[in-house]
PDB file of N, CA and C in Angstrom:
ATOM      1  N   MET A   1     111.206  71.913 164.020  1.00  0.00           N
ATOM      2  CA  MET A   1     112.202  71.216 164.799  1.00  0.00           C
ATOM      3  C   MET A   1     111.561  69.967 165.380  1.00  0.00           C
ATOM      4  N   LEU A   2     112.268  68.864 165.361  1.00  0.00           N
ATOM      5  CA  LEU A   2     111.754  67.593 165.854  1.00  0.00           C
ATOM      6  C   LEU A   2     112.126  67.431 167.319  1.00  0.00           C
ATOM      7  N   LYS A   3     111.135  67.039 168.148  1.00  0.00           N
ATOM      8  CA  LYS A   3     111.357  66.917 169.588  1.00  0.00           C
ATOM      9  C   LYS A   3     111.752  65.510 170.006  1.00  0.00           C
ATOM     10  N   GLU A   4     111.221  64.500 169.336  1.00  0.00           N
ATOM     11  CA  GLU A   4     111.427  63.129 169.784  1.00  0.00           C
ATOM     12  C   GLU A   4     111.854  62.248 168.629  1.00  0.00           C
ATOM     13  N   GLY A   5     112.351  61.071 168.976  1.00  0.00           N
ATOM     14  CA  GLY A   5     112.726  60.096 167.970  1.00  0.00           C
ATOM     15  C   GLY A   5     114.202  60.141 167.647  1.00  0.00           C
ATOM     16  N   GLU A   6     114.533  59.460 166.607  1.00  0.00           N
ATOM     17  CA  GLU A   6     115.925  59.316 166.181  1.00  0.00           C
ATOM     18  C   GLU A   6     116.539  60.654 165.758  1.00  0.00           C
ATOM     19  N   PHE A   7     115.708  61.557 165.243  1.00  0.00           N
ATOM     20  CA  PHE A   7     116.197  62.822 164.714  1.00  0.00           C
ATOM     21  C   PHE A   7     115.848  64.007 165.613  1.00  0.00           C
ATOM     22  N   ALA A   8     115.781  63.787 166.905  1.00  0.00           N
ATOM     23  CA  ALA A   8     115.431  64.855 167.854  1.00  0.00           C
ATOM     24  C   ALA A   8     116.459  65.976 167.777  1.00  0.00           C
ATOM     25  N   GLY A   9     115.977  67.210 167.749  1.00  0.00           N
ATOM     26  CA  GLY A   9     116.853  68.366 167.670  1.00  0.00           C
ATOM     27  C   GLY A   9     117.181  68.801 166.254  1.00  0.00           C
ATOM     28  N   LYS A  10     116.776  68.043 165.252  1.00  0.00           N
ATOM     29  CA  LYS A  10     117.035  68.390 163.856  1.00  0.00           C
ATOM     30  C   LYS A  10     115.890  69.246 163.314  1.00  0.00           C
ATOM     31  N   THR A  11     116.161  69.956 162.245  1.00  0.00           N
ATOM     32  CA  THR A  11     115.124  70.757 161.601  1.00  0.00           C
ATOM     33  C   THR A  11     114.673  70.076 160.325  1.00  0.00           C
ATOM     34  N   ALA A  12     113.394  70.252 160.005  1.00  0.00           N
ATOM     35  CA  ALA A  12     112.820  69.651 158.807  1.00  0.00           C
ATOM     36  C   ALA A  12     111.688  70.534 158.299  1.00  0.00           C
ATOM     37  N   VAL A  13     111.289  70.290 157.064  1.00  0.00           N
ATOM     38  CA  VAL A  13     110.216  71.029 156.415  1.00  0.00           C
ATOM     39  C   VAL A  13     108.998  70.112 156.321  1.00  0.00           C
ATOM     40  N   ILE A  14     107.825  70.678 156.562  1.00  0.00           N
ATOM     41  CA  ILE A  14     106.590  69.929 156.348  1.00  0.00           C
ATOM     42  C   ILE A  14     106.248  70.042 154.869  1.00  0.00           C
ATOM     43  N   LEU A  15     106.269  68.910 154.179  1.00  0.00           N
ATOM     44  CA  LEU A  15     106.004  68.898 152.746  1.00  0.00           C
ATOM     45  C   LEU A  15     104.533  68.676 152.424  1.00  0.00           C
ATOM     46  N   ASP A  16     103.839  67.922 153.266  1.00  0.00           N
ATOM     47  CA  ASP A  16     102.444  67.598 152.994  1.00  0.00           C
ATOM     48  C   ASP A  16     101.767  67.184 154.294  1.00  0.00           C
ATOM     49  N   VAL A  17     100.458  67.313 154.335  1.00  0.00           N
ATOM     50  CA  VAL A  17      99.680  66.876 155.485  1.00  0.00           C
ATOM     51  C   VAL A  17      99.039  65.543 155.134  1.00  0.00           C
ATOM     52  N   ILE A  18      99.290  64.523 155.955  1.00  0.00           N
ATOM     53  CA  ILE A  18      98.723  63.200 155.711  1.00  0.00           C
ATOM     54  C   ILE A  18      97.323  63.115 156.307  1.00  0.00           C
ATOM     55  N   ASP A  19      97.212  63.407 157.598  1.00  0.00           N
ATOM     56  CA  ASP A  19      95.921  63.476 158.275  1.00  0.00           C
ATOM     57  C   ASP A  19      96.040  64.458 159.434  1.00  0.00           C
ATOM     58  N   LEU A  20      95.094  64.437 160.356  1.00  0.00           N
ATOM     59  CA  LEU A  20      95.099  65.416 161.446  1.00  0.00           C
ATOM     60  C   LEU A  20      96.295  65.266 162.379  1.00  0.00           C
ATOM     61  N   ASN A  21      96.885  64.089 162.461  1.00  0.00           N
ATOM     62  CA  ASN A  21      97.970  63.837 163.405  1.00  0.00           C
ATOM     63  C   ASN A  21      99.342  63.692 162.767  1.00  0.00           C
ATOM     64  N   ARG A  22      99.401  63.455 161.460  1.00  0.00           N
ATOM     65  CA  ARG A  22     100.683  63.164 160.817  1.00  0.00           C
ATOM     66  C   ARG A  22     100.937  64.082 159.631  1.00  0.00           C
ATOM     67  N   VAL A  23     102.226  64.375 159.421  1.00  0.00           N
ATOM     68  CA  VAL A  23     102.664  65.177 158.280  1.00  0.00           C
ATOM     69  C   VAL A  23     103.847  64.484 157.617  1.00  0.00           C
ATOM     70  N   LEU A  24     104.090  64.829 156.364  1.00  0.00           N
ATOM     71  CA  LEU A  24     105.245  64.328 155.637  1.00  0.00           C
ATOM     72  C   LEU A  24     106.349  65.357 155.785  1.00  0.00           C
ATOM     73  N   ILE A  25     107.494  64.950 156.330  1.00  0.00           N
ATOM     74  CA  ILE A  25     108.599  65.888 156.575  1.00  0.00           C
ATOM     75  C   ILE A  25     109.850  65.439 155.841  1.00  0.00           C
ATOM     76  N   GLN A  26     110.765  66.387 155.679  1.00  0.00           N
ATOM     77  CA  GLN A  26     112.091  66.099 155.146  1.00  0.00           C
ATOM     78  C   GLN A  26     112.994  67.272 155.460  1.00  0.00           C
ATOM     79  N   GLY A  27     114.266  66.997 155.665  1.00  0.00           N
ATOM     80  CA  GLY A  27     115.240  68.040 155.923  1.00  0.00           C
ATOM     81  C   GLY A  27     116.596  67.607 155.411  1.00  0.00           C
ATOM     82  N   PRO A  28     117.598  68.465 155.536  1.00  0.00           N
ATOM     83  CA  PRO A  28     118.936  68.111 155.073  1.00  0.00           C
ATOM     84  C   PRO A  28     119.504  66.880 155.784  1.00  0.00           C
ATOM     85  N   SER A  29     119.208  66.741 157.072  1.00  0.00           N
ATOM     86  CA  SER A  29     119.719  65.589 157.813  1.00  0.00           C
ATOM     87  C   SER A  29     118.603  64.661 158.259  1.00  0.00           C
ATOM     88  N   VAL A  30     117.411  64.861 157.699  1.00  0.00           N
ATOM     89  CA  VAL A  30     116.247  64.037 158.039  1.00  0.00           C
ATOM     90  C   VAL A  30     115.685  63.464 156.740  1.00  0.00           C
ATOM     91  N   PRO A  31     115.565  62.140 156.631  1.00  0.00           N
ATOM     92  CA  PRO A  31     114.990  61.567 155.416  1.00  0.00           C
ATOM     93  C   PRO A  31     113.488  61.844 155.334  1.00  0.00           C
ATOM     94  N   ARG A  32     112.932  61.721 154.153  1.00  0.00           N
ATOM     95  CA  ARG A  32     111.498  61.927 153.960  1.00  0.00           C
ATOM     96  C   ARG A  32     110.748  60.811 154.674  1.00  0.00           C
ATOM     97  N   MET A  33     109.822  61.212 155.560  1.00  0.00           N
ATOM     98  CA  MET A  33     109.070  60.219 156.327  1.00  0.00           C
ATOM     99  C   MET A  33     107.837  60.863 156.940  1.00  0.00           C
ATOM    100  N   PRO A  34     106.833  60.050 157.259  1.00  0.00           N
ATOM    101  CA  PRO A  34     105.694  60.591 158.016  1.00  0.00           C
ATOM    102  C   PRO A  34     106.109  60.809 159.460  1.00  0.00           C
ATOM    103  N   PHE A  35     105.559  61.863 160.073  1.00  0.00           N
ATOM    104  CA  PHE A  35     105.954  62.206 161.431  1.00  0.00           C
ATOM    105  C   PHE A  35     104.751  62.757 162.173  1.00  0.00           C
ATOM    106  N   LEU A  36     104.639  62.439 163.457  1.00  0.00           N
ATOM    107  CA  LEU A  36     103.522  62.924 164.266  1.00  0.00           C
ATOM    108  C   LEU A  36     103.708  64.414 164.577  1.00  0.00           C
ATOM    109  N   ILE A  37     102.633  65.169 164.438  1.00  0.00           N
ATOM    110  CA  ILE A  37     102.694  66.611 164.688  1.00  0.00           C
ATOM    111  C   ILE A  37     103.025  66.890 166.144  1.00  0.00           C
ATOM    112  N   ARG A  38     102.527  66.061 167.060  1.00  0.00           N
ATOM    113  CA  ARG A  38     102.763  66.315 168.482  1.00  0.00           C
ATOM    114  C   ARG A  38     104.225  66.116 168.882  1.00  0.00           C
ATOM    115  N   HIS A  39     105.036  65.532 168.004  1.00  0.00           N
ATOM    116  CA  HIS A  39     106.459  65.353 168.281  1.00  0.00           C
ATOM    117  C   HIS A  39     107.309  66.431 167.606  1.00  0.00           C
ATOM    118  N   THR A  40     106.670  67.538 167.197  1.00  0.00           N
ATOM    119  CA  THR A  40     107.397  68.630 166.552  1.00  0.00           C
ATOM    120  C   THR A  40     107.181  69.933 167.306  1.00  0.00           C
ATOM    121  N   ASN A  41     108.105  70.842 167.148  1.00  0.00           N
ATOM    122  CA  ASN A  41     107.963  72.228 167.582  1.00  0.00           C
ATOM    123  C   ASN A  41     107.957  73.066 166.314  1.00  0.00           C
ATOM    124  N   LEU A  42     106.854  73.732 166.052  1.00  0.00           N
ATOM    125  CA  LEU A  42     106.778  74.567 164.866  1.00  0.00           C
ATOM    126  C   LEU A  42     107.456  75.899 165.139  1.00  0.00           C
ATOM    127  N   THR A  43     108.158  76.410 164.149  1.00  0.00           N
ATOM    128  CA  THR A  43     108.814  77.707 164.263  1.00  0.00           C
ATOM    129  C   THR A  43     108.113  78.680 163.325  1.00  0.00           C
ATOM    130  N   ARG A  44     108.491  79.943 163.400  1.00  0.00           N
ATOM    131  CA  ARG A  44     107.909  80.961 162.530  1.00  0.00           C
ATOM    132  C   ARG A  44     108.631  81.046 161.189  1.00  0.00           C
ATOM    133  N   ILE A  45     109.617  80.198 160.963  1.00  0.00           N
ATOM    134  CA  ILE A  45     110.358  80.199 159.704  1.00  0.00           C
ATOM    135  C   ILE A  45     109.501  79.499 158.644  1.00  0.00           C
ATOM    136  N   VAL A  46     109.201  80.218 157.588  1.00  0.00           N
ATOM    137  CA  VAL A  46     108.358  79.687 156.522  1.00  0.00           C
ATOM    138  C   VAL A  46     109.126  79.794 155.207  1.00  0.00           C
ATOM    139  N   ILE A  47     109.150  78.700 154.459  1.00  0.00           N
ATOM    140  CA  ILE A  47     109.763  78.718 153.127  1.00  0.00           C
ATOM    141  C   ILE A  47     108.713  78.290 152.118  1.00  0.00           C
ATOM    142  N   ASP A  48     108.875  78.768 150.912  1.00  0.00           N
ATOM    143  CA  ASP A  48     107.915  78.476 149.847  1.00  0.00           C
ATOM    144  C   ASP A  48     108.355  77.216 149.118  1.00  0.00           C
ATOM    145  N   VAL A  49     107.745  76.083 149.498  1.00  0.00           N
ATOM    146  CA  VAL A  49     108.056  74.794 148.894  1.00  0.00           C
ATOM    147  C   VAL A  49     106.773  74.251 148.276  1.00  0.00           C
ATOM    148  N   PRO A  50     106.822  73.794 147.025  1.00  0.00           N
ATOM    149  CA  PRO A  50     105.624  73.180 146.455  1.00  0.00           C
ATOM    150  C   PRO A  50     105.202  71.951 147.263  1.00  0.00           C
ATOM    151  N   ARG A  51     103.916  71.664 147.250  1.00  0.00           N
ATOM    152  CA  ARG A  51     103.395  70.538 148.020  1.00  0.00           C
ATOM    153  C   ARG A  51     103.991  69.238 147.493  1.00  0.00           C
ATOM    154  N   ALA A  52     104.477  68.392 148.400  1.00  0.00           N
ATOM    155  CA  ALA A  52     105.084  67.092 148.089  1.00  0.00           C
ATOM    156  C   ALA A  52     106.243  67.241 147.098  1.00  0.00           C
ATOM    157  N   ALA A  53     107.056  68.249 147.279  1.00  0.00           N
ATOM    158  CA  ALA A  53     108.180  68.526 146.379  1.00  0.00           C
ATOM    159  C   ALA A  53     109.227  67.422 146.457  1.00  0.00           C
ATOM    160  N   ARG A  54     109.953  67.255 145.380  1.00  0.00           N
ATOM    161  CA  ARG A  54     111.044  66.283 145.356  1.00  0.00           C
ATOM    162  C   ARG A  54     112.182  66.774 146.250  1.00  0.00           C
ATOM    163  N   THR A  55     113.102  65.885 146.536  1.00  0.00           N
ATOM    164  CA  THR A  55     114.210  66.209 147.428  1.00  0.00           C
ATOM    165  C   THR A  55     115.058  67.354 146.875  1.00  0.00           C
ATOM    166  N   LYS A  56     115.371  67.293 145.597  1.00  0.00           N
ATOM    167  CA  LYS A  56     116.216  68.313 144.989  1.00  0.00           C
ATOM    168  C   LYS A  56     115.541  69.689 145.047  1.00  0.00           C
ATOM    169  N   THR A  57     114.252  69.742 144.775  1.00  0.00           N
ATOM    170  CA  THR A  57     113.502  70.996 144.819  1.00  0.00           C
ATOM    171  C   THR A  57     113.449  71.533 146.240  1.00  0.00           C
ATOM    172  N   MET A  58     113.199  70.648 147.193  1.00  0.00           N
ATOM    173  CA  MET A  58     113.133  71.058 148.592  1.00  0.00           C
ATOM    174  C   MET A  58     114.468  71.634 149.047  1.00  0.00           C
ATOM    175  N   MET A  59     115.570  71.011 148.667  1.00  0.00           N
ATOM    176  CA  MET A  59     116.892  71.497 149.076  1.00  0.00           C
ATOM    177  C   MET A  59     117.208  72.859 148.442  1.00  0.00           C
ATOM    178  N   LYS A  60     116.760  73.100 147.198  1.00  0.00           N
ATOM    179  CA  LYS A  60     116.963  74.412 146.569  1.00  0.00           C
ATOM    180  C   LYS A  60     116.220  75.492 147.344  1.00  0.00           C
ATOM    181  N   CYS A  61     114.975  75.189 147.718  1.00  0.00           N
ATOM    182  CA  CYS A  61     114.178  76.153 148.488  1.00  0.00           C
ATOM    183  C   CYS A  61     114.792  76.367 149.870  1.00  0.00           C
ATOM    184  N   TRP A  62     115.329  75.313 150.466  1.00  0.00           N
ATOM    185  CA  TRP A  62     115.938  75.377 151.800  1.00  0.00           C
ATOM    186  C   TRP A  62     117.146  76.317 151.782  1.00  0.00           C
ATOM    187  N   THR A  63     118.016  76.138 150.785  1.00  0.00           N
ATOM    188  CA  THR A  63     119.215  76.976 150.715  1.00  0.00           C
ATOM    189  C   THR A  63     118.874  78.403 150.292  1.00  0.00           C
ATOM    190  N   ALA A  64     117.878  78.570 149.416  1.00  0.00           N
ATOM    191  CA  ALA A  64     117.493  79.912 148.978  1.00  0.00           C
ATOM    192  C   ALA A  64     116.916  80.721 150.138  1.00  0.00           C
ATOM    193  N   ALA A  65     116.192  80.065 151.035  1.00  0.00           N
ATOM    194  CA  ALA A  65     115.593  80.756 152.179  1.00  0.00           C
ATOM    195  C   ALA A  65     116.570  80.893 153.342  1.00  0.00           C
ATOM    196  N   ASP A  66     117.737  80.253 153.255  1.00  0.00           N
ATOM    197  CA  ASP A  66     118.768  80.310 154.296  1.00  0.00           C
ATOM    198  C   ASP A  66     118.201  79.918 155.666  1.00  0.00           C
ATOM    199  N   VAL A  67     117.554  78.764 155.693  1.00  0.00           N
ATOM    200  CA  VAL A  67     116.862  78.289 156.892  1.00  0.00           C
ATOM    201  C   VAL A  67     117.832  78.010 158.034  1.00  0.00           C
ATOM    202  N   ASP A  68     118.992  77.471 157.733  1.00  0.00           N
ATOM    203  CA  ASP A  68     119.955  77.138 158.792  1.00  0.00           C
ATOM    204  C   ASP A  68     120.380  78.378 159.579  1.00  0.00           C
ATOM    205  N   ALA A  69     120.641  79.468 158.890  1.00  0.00           N
ATOM    206  CA  ALA A  69     121.051  80.709 159.567  1.00  0.00           C
ATOM    207  C   ALA A  69     119.894  81.302 160.361  1.00  0.00           C
ATOM    208  N   LYS A  70     118.692  81.246 159.793  1.00  0.00           N
ATOM    209  CA  LYS A  70     117.525  81.773 160.504  1.00  0.00           C
ATOM    210  C   LYS A  70     117.248  80.961 161.765  1.00  0.00           C
ATOM    211  N   PHE A  71     117.373  79.636 161.649  1.00  0.00           N
ATOM    212  CA  PHE A  71     117.108  78.794 162.814  1.00  0.00           C
ATOM    213  C   PHE A  71     118.172  78.979 163.887  1.00  0.00           C
ATOM    214  N   ALA A  72     119.418  79.186 163.473  1.00  0.00           N
ATOM    215  CA  ALA A  72     120.499  79.368 164.447  1.00  0.00           C
ATOM    216  C   ALA A  72     120.297  80.618 165.300  1.00  0.00           C
ATOM    217  N   SER A  73     119.541  81.581 164.794  1.00  0.00           N
ATOM    218  CA  SER A  73     119.316  82.807 165.554  1.00  0.00           C
ATOM    219  C   SER A  73     118.080  82.724 166.461  1.00  0.00           C
ATOM    220  N   THR A  74     117.356  81.621 166.442  1.00  0.00           N
ATOM    221  CA  THR A  74     116.163  81.487 167.287  1.00  0.00           C
ATOM    222  C   THR A  74     116.549  81.070 168.702  1.00  0.00           C
ATOM    223  N   ASN A  75     115.649  81.318 169.650  1.00  0.00           N
ATOM    224  CA  ASN A  75     115.903  80.931 171.036  1.00  0.00           C
ATOM    225  C   ASN A  75     115.977  79.420 171.189  1.00  0.00           C
ATOM    226  N   ALA A  76     115.208  78.682 170.406  1.00  0.00           N
ATOM    227  CA  ALA A  76     115.224  77.218 170.490  1.00  0.00           C
ATOM    228  C   ALA A  76     116.600  76.664 170.121  1.00  0.00           C
ATOM    229  N   ALA A  77     117.218  77.218 169.084  1.00  0.00           N
ATOM    230  CA  ALA A  77     118.540  76.762 168.668  1.00  0.00           C
ATOM    231  C   ALA A  77     119.591  77.102 169.713  1.00  0.00           C
ATOM    232  N   LYS A  78     119.462  78.295 170.305  1.00  0.00           N
ATOM    233  CA  LYS A  78     120.413  78.684 171.341  1.00  0.00           C
ATOM    234  C   LYS A  78     120.283  77.788 172.565  1.00  0.00           C
ATOM    235  N   LYS A  79     119.058  77.410 172.893  1.00  0.00           N
ATOM    236  CA  LYS A  79     118.827  76.520 174.029  1.00  0.00           C
ATOM    237  C   LYS A  79     119.407  75.131 173.753  1.00  0.00           C
ATOM    238  N   LEU A  80     119.238  74.631 172.530  1.00  0.00           N
ATOM    239  CA  LEU A  80     119.821  73.340 172.167  1.00  0.00           C
ATOM    240  C   LEU A  80     121.339  73.369 172.278  1.00  0.00           C
ATOM    241  N   ALA A  81     121.955  74.454 171.822  1.00  0.00           N
ATOM    242  CA  ALA A  81     123.412  74.580 171.887  1.00  0.00           C
ATOM    243  C   ALA A  81     123.883  74.634 173.335  1.00  0.00           C
ATOM    244  N   ARG A  82     123.157  75.379 174.175  1.00  0.00           N
ATOM    245  CA  ARG A  82     123.517  75.476 175.584  1.00  0.00           C
ATOM    246  C   ARG A  82     123.393  74.115 176.277  1.00  0.00           C
ATOM    247  N   ASN A  83     122.325  73.375 175.970  1.00  0.00           N
ATOM    248  CA  ASN A  83     122.144  72.053 176.566  1.00  0.00           C
ATOM    249  C   ASN A  83     123.218  71.077 176.110  1.00  0.00           C
ATOM    250  N   GLU A  84     123.648  71.196 174.867  1.00  0.00           N
ATOM    251  CA  GLU A  84     124.709  70.321 174.348  1.00  0.00           C
ATOM    252  C   GLU A  84     126.029  70.603 175.060  1.00  0.00           C
ATOM    253  N   ILE A  85     126.310  71.881 175.308  1.00  0.00           N
ATOM    254  CA  ILE A  85     127.537  72.245 176.023  1.00  0.00           C
ATOM    255  C   ILE A  85     127.498  71.692 177.443  1.00  0.00           C
ATOM    256  N   ARG A  86     126.352  71.874 178.116  1.00  0.00           N
ATOM    257  CA  ARG A  86     126.223  71.396 179.496  1.00  0.00           C
ATOM    258  C   ARG A  86     126.296  69.882 179.590  1.00  0.00           C
ATOM    259  N   LYS A  87     125.805  69.202 178.564  1.00  0.00           N
ATOM    260  CA  LYS A  87     125.827  67.742 178.570  1.00  0.00           C
ATOM    261  C   LYS A  87     127.257  67.207 178.512  1.00  0.00           C
ATOM    262  N   ASN A  88     128.151  67.969 177.898  1.00  0.00           N
ATOM    263  CA  ASN A  88     129.533  67.525 177.725  1.00  0.00           C
ATOM    264  C   ASN A  88     130.489  68.047 178.796  1.00  0.00           C
ATOM    265  N   LEU A  89     129.967  68.638 179.878  1.00  0.00           N
ATOM    266  CA  LEU A  89     130.833  69.158 180.934  1.00  0.00           C
ATOM    267  C   LEU A  89     131.450  68.021 181.749  1.00  0.00           C
ATOM    268  N   THR A  90     132.647  68.270 182.239  1.00  0.00           N
ATOM    269  CA  THR A  90     133.295  67.324 183.147  1.00  0.00           C
ATOM    270  C   THR A  90     132.895  67.661 184.578  1.00  0.00           C
ATOM    271  N   ASP A  91     133.312  66.840 185.531  1.00  0.00           N
ATOM    272  CA  ASP A  91     132.998  67.100 186.938  1.00  0.00           C
ATOM    273  C   ASP A  91     133.560  68.448 187.389  1.00  0.00           C
ATOM    274  N   PHE A  92     134.785  68.741 186.991  1.00  0.00           N
ATOM    275  CA  PHE A  92     135.409  69.990 187.401  1.00  0.00           C
ATOM    276  C   PHE A  92     134.680  71.196 186.798  1.00  0.00           C
ATOM    277  N   ASP A  93     134.250  71.056 185.534  1.00  0.00           N
ATOM    278  CA  ASP A  93     133.502  72.144 184.898  1.00  0.00           C
ATOM    279  C   ASP A  93     132.178  72.383 185.617  1.00  0.00           C
ATOM    280  N   ARG A  94     131.481  71.307 186.013  1.00  0.00           N
ATOM    281  CA  ARG A  94     130.235  71.452 186.762  1.00  0.00           C
ATOM    282  C   ARG A  94     130.489  72.120 188.107  1.00  0.00           C
ATOM    283  N   PHE A  95     131.624  71.805 188.726  1.00  0.00           N
ATOM    284  CA  PHE A  95     132.012  72.423 189.992  1.00  0.00           C
ATOM    285  C   PHE A  95     132.222  73.924 189.810  1.00  0.00           C
ATOM    286  N   LYS A  96     132.910  74.315 188.730  1.00  0.00           N
ATOM    287  CA  LYS A  96     133.134  75.735 188.466  1.00  0.00           C
ATOM    288  C   LYS A  96     131.815  76.464 188.211  1.00  0.00           C
ATOM    289  N   VAL A  97     130.876  75.820 187.520  1.00  0.00           N
ATOM    290  CA  VAL A  97     129.560  76.418 187.285  1.00  0.00           C
ATOM    291  C   VAL A  97     128.834  76.620 188.607  1.00  0.00           C
ATOM    292  N   MET A  98     128.923  75.631 189.505  1.00  0.00           N
ATOM    293  CA  MET A  98     128.277  75.739 190.807  1.00  0.00           C
ATOM    294  C   MET A  98     128.835  76.925 191.594  1.00  0.00           C
ATOM    295  N   LEU A  99     130.153  77.088 191.590  1.00  0.00           N
ATOM    296  CA  LEU A  99     130.766  78.208 192.306  1.00  0.00           C
ATOM    297  C   LEU A  99     130.347  79.546 191.697  1.00  0.00           C
ATOM    298  N   ALA A 100     130.258  79.606 190.380  1.00  0.00           N
ATOM    299  CA  ALA A 100     129.839  80.846 189.724  1.00  0.00           C
ATOM    300  C   ALA A 100     128.395  81.182 190.078  1.00  0.00           C
ATOM    301  N   GLN A 101     127.530  80.166 190.161  1.00  0.00           N
ATOM    302  CA  GLN A 101     126.133  80.401 190.546  1.00  0.00           C
ATOM    303  C   GLN A 101     126.040  80.896 191.984  1.00  0.00           C
ATOM    304  N   LYS A 102     126.858  80.328 192.864  1.00  0.00           N
ATOM    305  CA  LYS A 102     126.859  80.781 194.258  1.00  0.00           C
ATOM    306  C   LYS A 102     127.316  82.233 194.353  1.00  0.00           C
ATOM    307  N   LYS A 103     128.373  82.578 193.616  1.00  0.00           N
ATOM    308  CA  LYS A 103     128.893  83.943 193.633  1.00  0.00           C
ATOM    309  C   LYS A 103     127.851  84.920 193.078  1.00  0.00           C
ATOM    310  N   LYS A 104     127.159  84.532 192.035  1.00  0.00           N
ATOM    311  CA  LYS A 104     126.113  85.368 191.461  1.00  0.00           C
ATOM    312  C   LYS A 104     124.975  85.590 192.449  1.00  0.00           C
ATOM    313  N   ALA A 105     124.547  84.517 193.125  1.00  0.00           N
ATOM    314  CA  ALA A 105     123.473  84.621 194.112  1.00  0.00           C
ATOM    315  C   ALA A 105     123.874  85.532 195.262  1.00  0.00           C
ATOM    316  N   HIS A 106     125.136  85.435 195.695  1.00  0.00           N
ATOM    317  CA  HIS A 106     125.640  86.282 196.777  1.00  0.00           C
ATOM    318  C   HIS A 106     125.618  87.744 196.378  1.00  0.00           C
ATOM    319  N   ILE A 107     126.029  88.036 195.159  1.00  0.00           N
ATOM    320  CA  ILE A 107     126.042  89.416 194.665  1.00  0.00           C
ATOM    321  C   ILE A 107     124.621  89.955 194.555  1.00  0.00           C
ATOM    322  N   LEU A 108     123.690  89.126 194.063  1.00  0.00           N
ATOM    323  CA  LEU A 108     122.305  89.574 193.934  1.00  0.00           C
ATOM    324  C   LEU A 108     121.644  89.831 195.295  1.00  0.00           C
ATOM    325  N   ARG A 109     122.021  89.050 196.290  1.00  0.00           N
ATOM    326  CA  ARG A 109     121.455  89.245 197.636  1.00  0.00           C
ATOM    327  C   ARG A 109     121.953  90.537 198.279  1.00  0.00           C
ATOM    328  N   ALA A 110     123.169  90.923 197.941  1.00  0.00           N
ATOM    329  CA  ALA A 110     123.779  92.118 198.560  1.00  0.00           C
ATOM    330  C   ALA A 110     123.198  93.406 198.019  1.00  0.00           C
TER     331      ALA A 110
END
């Protein structure tokens, strides 16, 4: 998963290692490009892709391993979805969340 840059929040596959700090990545919504390792979050999802594979080969391996479904079940994906929902809240929705948090805190104190 990419943390920073234009494609933040997207998933990609590491196709090759360029040097100690950079890797070659590509994903369904990410073009093939060099990317800094420190700007990524590695997951435990591993797919068998030949080194420096072509786009078509990489996409076959991606769909065969069902990476999208596996990633959707991870905590990182759930956190991204929750943050996206919160980002799109209106003032009234934020107010309702505040009241629910207060009610929860009151119940926990009792």
